[in-house]
Amino acid sequence: MIAAGDTYWGLAKQAYGDASKWMLIAEANKDYKPRRLPLGATLTIPAAK
């Protein structure tokens, strides 16, 4: 779930060990704008390419 302060950059670093892969998460969650992640939302974290 999205918590206050979460970003795609930070989530990618946590999930993949590489923050530059944040676009993978953004592409899998097109309903959410990167700068306005809704608190409490559940994101899809795809497998790393």
PDB file of N, CA and C in Angstrom:
ATOM      1  N   MET A   1       0.830  -1.182   0.000  1.00  0.00           N
ATOM      2  CA  MET A   1       0.000   0.000   0.000  1.00  0.00           C
ATOM      3  C   MET A   1       0.878   1.249   0.000  1.00  0.00           C
ATOM      4  N   ILE A   2       0.382   2.268  -0.642  1.00  0.00           N
ATOM      5  CA  ILE A   2       1.102   3.526  -0.710  1.00  0.00           C
ATOM      6  C   ILE A   2       1.020   4.225   0.644  1.00  0.00           C
ATOM      7  N   ALA A   3       2.168   4.623   1.147  1.00  0.00           N
ATOM      8  CA  ALA A   3       2.255   5.372   2.398  1.00  0.00           C
ATOM      9  C   ALA A   3       2.740   6.781   2.078  1.00  0.00           C
ATOM     10  N   ALA A   4       2.541   7.695   3.005  1.00  0.00           N
ATOM     11  CA  ALA A   4       3.006   9.072   2.819  1.00  0.00           C
ATOM     12  C   ALA A   4       4.493   9.075   2.486  1.00  0.00           C
ATOM     13  N   GLY A   5       4.857   9.814   1.460  1.00  0.00           N
ATOM     14  CA  GLY A   5       6.248   9.937   1.065  1.00  0.00           C
ATOM     15  C   GLY A   5       6.727   8.913   0.054  1.00  0.00           C
ATOM     16  N   ASP A   6       5.898   7.923  -0.285  1.00  0.00           N
ATOM     17  CA  ASP A   6       6.296   6.920  -1.272  1.00  0.00           C
ATOM     18  C   ASP A   6       6.389   7.550  -2.662  1.00  0.00           C
ATOM     19  N   THR A   7       7.361   7.096  -3.423  1.00  0.00           N
ATOM     20  CA  THR A   7       7.538   7.521  -4.814  1.00  0.00           C
ATOM     21  C   THR A   7       7.838   6.291  -5.648  1.00  0.00           C
ATOM     22  N   TYR A   8       7.594   6.376  -6.950  1.00  0.00           N
ATOM     23  CA  TYR A   8       7.960   5.263  -7.824  1.00  0.00           C
ATOM     24  C   TYR A   8       9.467   5.008  -7.739  1.00  0.00           C
ATOM     25  N   TRP A   9      10.240   6.066  -7.653  1.00  0.00           N
ATOM     26  CA  TRP A   9      11.703   5.964  -7.554  1.00  0.00           C
ATOM     27  C   TRP A   9      12.084   5.123  -6.328  1.00  0.00           C
ATOM     28  N   GLY A  10      11.518   5.466  -5.172  1.00  0.00           N
ATOM     29  CA  GLY A  10      11.820   4.747  -3.937  1.00  0.00           C
ATOM     30  C   GLY A  10      11.315   3.316  -3.961  1.00  0.00           C
ATOM     31  N   LEU A  11      10.140   3.115  -4.521  1.00  0.00           N
ATOM     32  CA  LEU A  11       9.585   1.765  -4.598  1.00  0.00           C
ATOM     33  C   LEU A  11      10.418   0.878  -5.525  1.00  0.00           C
ATOM     34  N   ALA A  12      10.923   1.455  -6.626  1.00  0.00           N
ATOM     35  CA  ALA A  12      11.774   0.693  -7.536  1.00  0.00           C
ATOM     36  C   ALA A  12      13.088   0.318  -6.864  1.00  0.00           C
ATOM     37  N   LYS A  13      13.647   1.240  -6.100  1.00  0.00           N
ATOM     38  CA  LYS A  13      14.891   0.946  -5.384  1.00  0.00           C
ATOM     39  C   LYS A  13      14.680  -0.201  -4.401  1.00  0.00           C
ATOM     40  N   GLN A  14      13.550  -0.193  -3.719  1.00  0.00           N
ATOM     41  CA  GLN A  14      13.226  -1.237  -2.751  1.00  0.00           C
ATOM     42  C   GLN A  14      12.931  -2.574  -3.449  1.00  0.00           C
ATOM     43  N   ALA A  15      12.156  -2.541  -4.516  1.00  0.00           N
ATOM     44  CA  ALA A  15      11.728  -3.777  -5.190  1.00  0.00           C
ATOM     45  C   ALA A  15      12.812  -4.393  -6.068  1.00  0.00           C
ATOM     46  N   TYR A  16      13.549  -3.541  -6.769  1.00  0.00           N
ATOM     47  CA  TYR A  16      14.509  -4.034  -7.761  1.00  0.00           C
ATOM     48  C   TYR A  16      15.967  -3.798  -7.388  1.00  0.00           C
ATOM     49  N   GLY A  17      16.195  -2.971  -6.366  1.00  0.00           N
ATOM     50  CA  GLY A  17      17.565  -2.598  -6.038  1.00  0.00           C
ATOM     51  C   GLY A  17      18.129  -1.591  -7.022  1.00  0.00           C
ATOM     52  N   ASP A  18      17.262  -1.010  -7.858  1.00  0.00           N
ATOM     53  CA  ASP A  18      17.681  -0.063  -8.887  1.00  0.00           C
ATOM     54  C   ASP A  18      16.556   0.951  -9.096  1.00  0.00           C
ATOM     55  N   ALA A  19      16.731   2.135  -8.552  1.00  0.00           N
ATOM     56  CA  ALA A  19      15.695   3.163  -8.619  1.00  0.00           C
ATOM     57  C   ALA A  19      15.398   3.607 -10.041  1.00  0.00           C
ATOM     58  N   SER A  20      16.364   3.445 -10.941  1.00  0.00           N
ATOM     59  CA  SER A  20      16.145   3.898 -12.319  1.00  0.00           C
ATOM     60  C   SER A  20      15.104   3.051 -13.052  1.00  0.00           C
ATOM     61  N   LYS A  21      14.661   1.966 -12.470  1.00  0.00           N
ATOM     62  CA  LYS A  21      13.625   1.120 -13.077  1.00  0.00           C
ATOM     63  C   LYS A  21      12.217   1.549 -12.672  1.00  0.00           C
ATOM     64  N   TRP A  22      12.077   2.771 -12.177  1.00  0.00           N
ATOM     65  CA  TRP A  22      10.782   3.244 -11.706  1.00  0.00           C
ATOM     66  C   TRP A  22       9.718   3.244 -12.798  1.00  0.00           C
ATOM     67  N   MET A  23      10.130   3.373 -14.063  1.00  0.00           N
ATOM     68  CA  MET A  23       9.158   3.385 -15.166  1.00  0.00           C
ATOM     69  C   MET A  23       8.425   2.055 -15.295  1.00  0.00           C
ATOM     70  N   LEU A  24       9.039   0.956 -14.888  1.00  0.00           N
ATOM     71  CA  LEU A  24       8.346  -0.337 -14.914  1.00  0.00           C
ATOM     72  C   LEU A  24       7.096  -0.275 -14.038  1.00  0.00           C
ATOM     73  N   ILE A  25       7.241   0.330 -12.876  1.00  0.00           N
ATOM     74  CA  ILE A  25       6.111   0.454 -11.945  1.00  0.00           C
ATOM     75  C   ILE A  25       5.094   1.450 -12.505  1.00  0.00           C
ATOM     76  N   ALA A  26       5.568   2.560 -13.039  1.00  0.00           N
ATOM     77  CA  ALA A  26       4.668   3.574 -13.597  1.00  0.00           C
ATOM     78  C   ALA A  26       3.845   2.998 -14.751  1.00  0.00           C
ATOM     79  N   GLU A  27       4.482   2.229 -15.619  1.00  0.00           N
ATOM     80  CA  GLU A  27       3.779   1.637 -16.761  1.00  0.00           C
ATOM     81  C   GLU A  27       2.738   0.610 -16.328  1.00  0.00           C
ATOM     82  N   ALA A  28       2.987  -0.088 -15.229  1.00  0.00           N
ATOM     83  CA  ALA A  28       2.051  -1.098 -14.735  1.00  0.00           C
ATOM     84  C   ALA A  28       0.898  -0.476 -13.944  1.00  0.00           C
ATOM     85  N   ASN A  29       1.008   0.807 -13.638  1.00  0.00           N
ATOM     86  CA  ASN A  29      -0.004   1.496 -12.828  1.00  0.00           C
ATOM     87  C   ASN A  29      -0.408   2.807 -13.492  1.00  0.00           C
ATOM     88  N   LYS A  30      -0.885   2.717 -14.718  1.00  0.00           N
ATOM     89  CA  LYS A  30      -1.188   3.904 -15.520  1.00  0.00           C
ATOM     90  C   LYS A  30      -2.293   4.777 -14.932  1.00  0.00           C
ATOM     91  N   ASP A  31      -3.093   4.243 -14.037  1.00  0.00           N
ATOM     92  CA  ASP A  31      -4.173   5.029 -13.427  1.00  0.00           C
ATOM     93  C   ASP A  31      -3.651   6.048 -12.421  1.00  0.00           C
ATOM     94  N   TYR A  32      -2.410   5.897 -11.992  1.00  0.00           N
ATOM     95  CA  TYR A  32      -1.842   6.776 -10.965  1.00  0.00           C
ATOM     96  C   TYR A  32      -0.762   7.666 -11.551  1.00  0.00           C
ATOM     97  N   LYS A  33      -0.837   8.946 -11.258  1.00  0.00           N
ATOM     98  CA  LYS A  33       0.176   9.893 -11.711  1.00  0.00           C
ATOM     99  C   LYS A  33       1.379   9.799 -10.769  1.00  0.00           C
ATOM    100  N   PRO A  34       2.595   9.768 -11.312  1.00  0.00           N
ATOM    101  CA  PRO A  34       3.784   9.594 -10.474  1.00  0.00           C
ATOM    102  C   PRO A  34       3.923  10.605  -9.342  1.00  0.00           C
ATOM    103  N   ARG A  35       3.493  11.808  -9.545  1.00  0.00           N
ATOM    104  CA  ARG A  35       3.640  12.830  -8.498  1.00  0.00           C
ATOM    105  C   ARG A  35       2.434  12.917  -7.579  1.00  0.00           C
ATOM    106  N   ARG A  36       1.448  12.061  -7.806  1.00  0.00           N
ATOM    107  CA  ARG A  36       0.236  12.099  -6.971  1.00  0.00           C
ATOM    108  C   ARG A  36      -0.227  10.691  -6.637  1.00  0.00           C
ATOM    109  N   LEU A  37       0.624   9.912  -6.014  1.00  0.00           N
ATOM    110  CA  LEU A  37       0.236   8.555  -5.631  1.00  0.00           C
ATOM    111  C   LEU A  37      -0.765   8.639  -4.485  1.00  0.00           C
ATOM    112  N   PRO A  38      -1.916   7.977  -4.620  1.00  0.00           N
ATOM    113  CA  PRO A  38      -2.945   8.060  -3.585  1.00  0.00           C
ATOM    114  C   PRO A  38      -2.595   7.192  -2.372  1.00  0.00           C
ATOM    115  N   LEU A  39      -2.668   7.791  -1.212  1.00  0.00           N
ATOM    116  CA  LEU A  39      -2.388   7.055   0.020  1.00  0.00           C
ATOM    117  C   LEU A  39      -3.327   5.868   0.145  1.00  0.00           C
ATOM    118  N   GLY A  40      -2.789   4.725   0.530  1.00  0.00           N
ATOM    119  CA  GLY A  40      -3.581   3.529   0.734  1.00  0.00           C
ATOM    120  C   GLY A  40      -3.808   2.692  -0.513  1.00  0.00           C
ATOM    121  N   ALA A  41      -3.448   3.213  -1.681  1.00  0.00           N
ATOM    122  CA  ALA A  41      -3.636   2.456  -2.924  1.00  0.00           C
ATOM    123  C   ALA A  41      -2.648   1.291  -2.974  1.00  0.00           C
ATOM    124  N   THR A  42      -3.040   0.248  -3.674  1.00  0.00           N
ATOM    125  CA  THR A  42      -2.166  -0.905  -3.887  1.00  0.00           C
ATOM    126  C   THR A  42      -1.656  -0.864  -5.317  1.00  0.00           C
ATOM    127  N   LEU A  43      -0.346  -0.921  -5.481  1.00  0.00           N
ATOM    128  CA  LEU A  43       0.259  -0.864  -6.796  1.00  0.00           C
ATOM    129  C   LEU A  43       0.638  -2.248  -7.280  1.00  0.00           C
ATOM    130  N   THR A  44       0.707  -2.386  -8.590  1.00  0.00           N
ATOM    131  CA  THR A  44       1.248  -3.598  -9.203  1.00  0.00           C
ATOM    132  C   THR A  44       2.751  -3.380  -9.381  1.00  0.00           C
ATOM    133  N   ILE A  45       3.544  -4.311  -8.879  1.00  0.00           N
ATOM    134  CA  ILE A  45       4.995  -4.254  -9.040  1.00  0.00           C
ATOM    135  C   ILE A  45       5.373  -5.414  -9.968  1.00  0.00           C
ATOM    136  N   PRO A  46       5.630  -5.120 -11.245  1.00  0.00           N
ATOM    137  CA  PRO A  46       5.936  -6.183 -12.200  1.00  0.00           C
ATOM    138  C   PRO A  46       7.331  -6.771 -11.973  1.00  0.00           C
ATOM    139  N   ALA A  47       7.558  -7.940 -12.530  1.00  0.00           N
ATOM    140  CA  ALA A  47       8.890  -8.554 -12.469  1.00  0.00           C
ATOM    141  C   ALA A  47       9.864  -7.672 -13.231  1.00  0.00           C
ATOM    142  N   ALA A  48      11.083  -7.600 -12.761  1.00  0.00           N
ATOM    143  CA  ALA A  48      12.114  -6.786 -13.419  1.00  0.00           C
ATOM    144  C   ALA A  48      12.446  -7.366 -14.778  1.00  0.00           C
ATOM    145  N   LYS A  49      12.705  -6.494 -15.728  1.00  0.00           N
ATOM    146  CA  LYS A  49      13.063  -6.925 -17.086  1.00  0.00           C
ATOM    147  C   LYS A  49      14.558  -7.011 -17.221  1.00  0.00           C
TER     148      LYS A  49
END
